[in-house]
Amino acid sequence: KADAGLYTCDIGTDVAKSKVSVQEKPTEVTKQLEDKTSPAGQDISLSCELSKPDVTIRWYKDGKAIRKSQKFDLQQEGTRATLIIRDSTVKDS
């Protein structure tokens, strides 16, 4: 994006101009989530890798948004996004 702007070619007697715009590539998931099986009572960690760091992400379970709480810890470091499910129960399946 830093390369966007107005470019000119000036030969003294004439000027050519070009407006350049650069569109960022969309963020992609580069490493998918993996299925997990865990005994009840243990923490479960799910993580995925993204093509860009510091992207706003949202976690969902069965279509409902997950928010950070005592039950769920949402972490993001660089290109890795992690969801930790604390003290898992059968309802977390």
N, C-alpha and C. Protein backbone atom coordinates (compact mmCIF):
# COMPACT_ATOMS: atom_id res chain seq x y z
N LYS A 1 0.82 -1.20 0.00
CA LYS A 1 0.00 0.00 0.00
C LYS A 1 0.86 1.25 0.00
N ALA A 2 2.06 1.18 0.55
CA ALA A 2 2.93 2.36 0.63
C ALA A 2 3.34 2.85 -0.76
N ASP A 3 3.23 2.00 -1.77
CA ASP A 3 3.61 2.39 -3.14
C ASP A 3 2.50 3.14 -3.87
N ALA A 4 1.33 3.24 -3.29
CA ALA A 4 0.23 3.96 -3.93
C ALA A 4 0.54 5.45 -3.98
N GLY A 5 0.05 6.11 -5.02
CA GLY A 5 0.25 7.55 -5.14
C GLY A 5 0.24 8.01 -6.58
N LEU A 6 0.61 9.26 -6.79
CA LEU A 6 0.65 9.85 -8.12
C LEU A 6 2.09 9.82 -8.61
N TYR A 7 2.33 9.16 -9.72
CA TYR A 7 3.66 9.08 -10.32
C TYR A 7 3.69 9.97 -11.55
N THR A 8 4.81 10.63 -11.77
CA THR A 8 4.95 11.49 -12.94
C THR A 8 6.27 11.22 -13.65
N CYS A 9 6.24 11.42 -14.94
CA CYS A 9 7.43 11.36 -15.78
C CYS A 9 7.56 12.75 -16.41
N ASP A 10 8.54 13.50 -15.98
CA ASP A 10 8.69 14.91 -16.38
C ASP A 10 9.91 15.04 -17.28
N ILE A 11 9.69 15.51 -18.52
CA ILE A 11 10.81 15.72 -19.44
C ILE A 11 11.09 17.20 -19.68
N GLY A 12 10.52 18.03 -18.85
CA GLY A 12 10.73 19.47 -18.96
C GLY A 12 9.69 20.15 -19.82
N THR A 13 9.42 19.62 -21.01
CA THR A 13 8.43 20.22 -21.91
C THR A 13 7.09 19.51 -21.84
N ASP A 14 7.06 18.37 -21.21
CA ASP A 14 5.82 17.59 -21.12
C ASP A 14 5.88 16.71 -19.87
N VAL A 15 4.71 16.38 -19.37
CA VAL A 15 4.62 15.55 -18.17
C VAL A 15 3.58 14.46 -18.40
N ALA A 16 3.93 13.23 -18.03
CA ALA A 16 2.98 12.12 -18.05
C ALA A 16 2.69 11.75 -16.60
N LYS A 17 1.42 11.48 -16.31
CA LYS A 17 1.03 11.18 -14.93
C LYS A 17 0.29 9.84 -14.87
N SER A 18 0.47 9.17 -13.74
CA SER A 18 -0.22 7.91 -13.50
C SER A 18 -0.59 7.82 -12.03
N LYS A 19 -1.85 7.51 -11.77
CA LYS A 19 -2.30 7.28 -10.40
C LYS A 19 -2.21 5.78 -10.14
N VAL A 20 -1.46 5.39 -9.12
CA VAL A 20 -1.28 3.98 -8.80
C VAL A 20 -1.97 3.69 -7.47
N SER A 21 -2.82 2.66 -7.47
CA SER A 21 -3.42 2.20 -6.22
C SER A 21 -3.09 0.72 -6.07
N VAL A 22 -2.81 0.33 -4.86
CA VAL A 22 -2.42 -1.05 -4.56
C VAL A 22 -3.42 -1.62 -3.58
N GLN A 23 -4.03 -2.72 -3.95
CA GLN A 23 -5.00 -3.36 -3.07
C GLN A 23 -4.32 -4.51 -2.33
N GLU A 24 -4.54 -4.54 -1.02
CA GLU A 24 -3.94 -5.60 -0.22
C GLU A 24 -4.58 -6.94 -0.55
N LYS A 25 -3.77 -7.99 -0.45
CA LYS A 25 -4.31 -9.33 -0.60
C LYS A 25 -5.21 -9.63 0.59
N PRO A 26 -6.28 -10.38 0.38
CA PRO A 26 -7.12 -10.75 1.53
C PRO A 26 -6.36 -11.71 2.45
N THR A 27 -6.69 -11.66 3.71
CA THR A 27 -6.08 -12.58 4.68
C THR A 27 -6.62 -13.98 4.43
N GLU A 28 -5.74 -14.97 4.52
CA GLU A 28 -6.13 -16.36 4.33
C GLU A 28 -5.70 -17.19 5.54
N VAL A 29 -6.40 -18.28 5.76
CA VAL A 29 -5.99 -19.24 6.78
C VAL A 29 -4.96 -20.15 6.13
N THR A 30 -3.73 -20.15 6.67
CA THR A 30 -2.66 -20.95 6.09
C THR A 30 -2.50 -22.30 6.78
N LYS A 31 -3.00 -22.41 8.01
CA LYS A 31 -3.02 -23.70 8.72
C LYS A 31 -4.38 -23.83 9.38
N GLN A 32 -5.12 -24.85 8.97
CA GLN A 32 -6.49 -25.05 9.43
C GLN A 32 -6.53 -25.54 10.87
N LEU A 33 -7.70 -25.41 11.50
CA LEU A 33 -7.94 -26.00 12.81
C LEU A 33 -7.91 -27.51 12.69
N GLU A 34 -7.50 -28.18 13.75
CA GLU A 34 -7.48 -29.64 13.78
C GLU A 34 -8.53 -30.14 14.75
N ASP A 35 -9.18 -31.26 14.41
CA ASP A 35 -10.15 -31.88 15.32
C ASP A 35 -9.43 -32.32 16.59
N LYS A 36 -10.11 -32.19 17.72
CA LYS A 36 -9.52 -32.57 19.01
C LYS A 36 -10.48 -33.46 19.78
N THR A 37 -9.93 -34.40 20.53
CA THR A 37 -10.68 -35.22 21.47
C THR A 37 -9.96 -35.14 22.80
N SER A 38 -10.72 -34.89 23.87
CA SER A 38 -10.10 -34.69 25.17
C SER A 38 -11.02 -35.22 26.26
N PRO A 39 -10.44 -35.75 27.34
CA PRO A 39 -11.28 -36.13 28.47
C PRO A 39 -11.89 -34.89 29.13
N ALA A 40 -13.08 -35.04 29.67
CA ALA A 40 -13.73 -33.92 30.36
C ALA A 40 -12.83 -33.43 31.49
N GLY A 41 -12.87 -32.12 31.71
CA GLY A 41 -12.10 -31.52 32.78
C GLY A 41 -10.76 -30.94 32.35
N GLN A 42 -10.30 -31.30 31.16
CA GLN A 42 -9.03 -30.76 30.67
C GLN A 42 -9.25 -29.53 29.79
N ASP A 43 -8.23 -28.70 29.71
CA ASP A 43 -8.27 -27.57 28.79
C ASP A 43 -8.02 -28.07 27.38
N ILE A 44 -8.69 -27.44 26.41
CA ILE A 44 -8.51 -27.78 25.00
C ILE A 44 -8.03 -26.53 24.28
N SER A 45 -6.99 -26.69 23.48
CA SER A 45 -6.43 -25.57 22.74
C SER A 45 -6.63 -25.79 21.24
N LEU A 46 -7.26 -24.82 20.58
CA LEU A 46 -7.43 -24.85 19.13
C LEU A 46 -6.67 -23.67 18.55
N SER A 47 -5.91 -23.90 17.48
CA SER A 47 -5.20 -22.76 16.89
C SER A 47 -5.14 -22.90 15.37
N CYS A 48 -5.08 -21.75 14.72
CA CYS A 48 -4.91 -21.70 13.28
C CYS A 48 -3.88 -20.64 12.95
N GLU A 49 -3.30 -20.74 11.77
CA GLU A 49 -2.30 -19.78 11.31
C GLU A 49 -2.92 -18.95 10.19
N LEU A 50 -2.60 -17.66 10.18
CA LEU A 50 -3.12 -16.74 9.18
C LEU A 50 -2.00 -16.22 8.30
N SER A 51 -2.34 -15.72 7.13
CA SER A 51 -1.32 -15.22 6.20
C SER A 51 -0.77 -13.85 6.59
N LYS A 52 -1.44 -13.15 7.51
CA LYS A 52 -0.99 -11.83 7.96
C LYS A 52 -1.08 -11.76 9.48
N PRO A 53 -0.18 -11.00 10.10
CA PRO A 53 -0.26 -10.84 11.56
C PRO A 53 -1.30 -9.81 11.96
N ASP A 54 -1.72 -9.91 13.21
CA ASP A 54 -2.57 -8.89 13.84
C ASP A 54 -3.85 -8.58 13.08
N VAL A 55 -4.51 -9.62 12.59
CA VAL A 55 -5.78 -9.47 11.90
C VAL A 55 -6.90 -9.70 12.92
N THR A 56 -7.96 -8.92 12.84
CA THR A 56 -9.09 -9.12 13.74
C THR A 56 -9.80 -10.41 13.36
N ILE A 57 -9.92 -11.29 14.33
CA ILE A 57 -10.62 -12.56 14.07
C ILE A 57 -11.73 -12.72 15.09
N ARG A 58 -12.68 -13.61 14.77
CA ARG A 58 -13.78 -13.94 15.68
C ARG A 58 -13.88 -15.46 15.75
N TRP A 59 -14.10 -15.95 16.94
CA TRP A 59 -14.31 -17.38 17.14
C TRP A 59 -15.81 -17.63 17.33
N TYR A 60 -16.27 -18.78 16.81
CA TYR A 60 -17.67 -19.17 16.92
C TYR A 60 -17.79 -20.63 17.31
N LYS A 61 -18.85 -20.96 18.03
CA LYS A 61 -19.21 -22.36 18.29
C LYS A 61 -20.66 -22.51 17.87
N ASP A 62 -20.89 -23.40 16.93
CA ASP A 62 -22.25 -23.65 16.41
C ASP A 62 -22.92 -22.36 15.98
N GLY A 63 -22.16 -21.45 15.37
CA GLY A 63 -22.71 -20.20 14.84
C GLY A 63 -22.83 -19.07 15.84
N LYS A 64 -22.56 -19.33 17.12
CA LYS A 64 -22.65 -18.29 18.14
C LYS A 64 -21.25 -17.77 18.48
N ALA A 65 -21.11 -16.45 18.55
CA ALA A 65 -19.83 -15.83 18.84
C ALA A 65 -19.33 -16.22 20.23
N ILE A 66 -18.02 -16.45 20.31
CA ILE A 66 -17.36 -16.76 21.58
C ILE A 66 -16.64 -15.50 22.05
N ARG A 67 -16.84 -15.16 23.30
CA ARG A 67 -16.16 -14.00 23.89
C ARG A 67 -15.21 -14.48 24.99
N LYS A 68 -14.17 -13.69 25.22
CA LYS A 68 -13.22 -14.02 26.28
C LYS A 68 -13.95 -14.03 27.62
N SER A 69 -13.71 -15.09 28.40
CA SER A 69 -14.38 -15.25 29.69
C SER A 69 -13.55 -16.21 30.53
N GLN A 70 -14.10 -16.60 31.69
CA GLN A 70 -13.42 -17.63 32.49
C GLN A 70 -13.39 -18.95 31.74
N LYS A 71 -14.38 -19.19 30.91
CA LYS A 71 -14.47 -20.44 30.14
C LYS A 71 -13.57 -20.43 28.91
N PHE A 72 -13.51 -19.30 28.22
CA PHE A 72 -12.77 -19.21 26.96
C PHE A 72 -11.67 -18.16 27.03
N ASP A 73 -10.49 -18.54 26.59
CA ASP A 73 -9.39 -17.59 26.48
C ASP A 73 -9.06 -17.44 25.00
N LEU A 74 -9.07 -16.21 24.51
CA LEU A 74 -8.78 -15.92 23.11
C LEU A 74 -7.40 -15.26 23.05
N GLN A 75 -6.50 -15.85 22.30
CA GLN A 75 -5.15 -15.30 22.20
C GLN A 75 -4.79 -15.11 20.73
N GLN A 76 -3.95 -14.12 20.48
CA GLN A 76 -3.46 -13.90 19.13
C GLN A 76 -2.05 -13.35 19.23
N GLU A 77 -1.14 -14.05 18.59
CA GLU A 77 0.26 -13.62 18.59
C GLU A 77 0.79 -13.77 17.17
N GLY A 78 1.09 -12.64 16.57
CA GLY A 78 1.57 -12.67 15.18
C GLY A 78 0.51 -13.25 14.27
N THR A 79 0.86 -14.33 13.58
CA THR A 79 -0.08 -14.96 12.64
C THR A 79 -0.84 -16.13 13.26
N ARG A 80 -0.64 -16.41 14.54
CA ARG A 80 -1.31 -17.54 15.19
C ARG A 80 -2.47 -17.03 16.05
N ALA A 81 -3.64 -17.63 15.83
CA ALA A 81 -4.82 -17.33 16.64
C ALA A 81 -5.17 -18.60 17.44
N THR A 82 -5.39 -18.44 18.74
CA THR A 82 -5.62 -19.60 19.60
C THR A 82 -6.87 -19.38 20.47
N LEU A 83 -7.66 -20.43 20.57
CA LEU A 83 -8.81 -20.48 21.47
C LEU A 83 -8.52 -21.56 22.50
N ILE A 84 -8.60 -21.22 23.77
CA ILE A 84 -8.42 -22.20 24.84
C ILE A 84 -9.76 -22.36 25.55
N ILE A 85 -10.23 -23.59 25.59
CA ILE A 85 -11.48 -23.93 26.27
C ILE A 85 -11.08 -24.49 27.64
N ARG A 86 -11.40 -23.78 28.69
CA ARG A 86 -11.01 -24.17 30.04
C ARG A 86 -11.98 -25.22 30.62
N ASP A 87 -11.41 -26.17 31.34
CA ASP A 87 -12.20 -27.16 32.08
C ASP A 87 -13.32 -27.73 31.20
N SER A 88 -12.94 -28.37 30.11
CA SER A 88 -13.90 -28.84 29.10
C SER A 88 -14.95 -29.79 29.68
N THR A 89 -16.16 -29.69 29.10
CA THR A 89 -17.27 -30.57 29.44
C THR A 89 -17.84 -31.13 28.13
N VAL A 90 -18.72 -32.10 28.25
CA VAL A 90 -19.36 -32.69 27.07
C VAL A 90 -20.10 -31.61 26.28
N LYS A 91 -20.62 -30.60 26.96
CA LYS A 91 -21.34 -29.50 26.27
C LYS A 91 -20.43 -28.70 25.34
N ASP A 92 -19.13 -28.81 25.52
CA ASP A 92 -18.18 -28.08 24.65
C ASP A 92 -17.98 -28.79 23.31
N SER A 93 -18.52 -29.98 23.16
CA SER A 93 -18.39 -30.72 21.89
C SER A 93 -19.14 -30.00 20.79
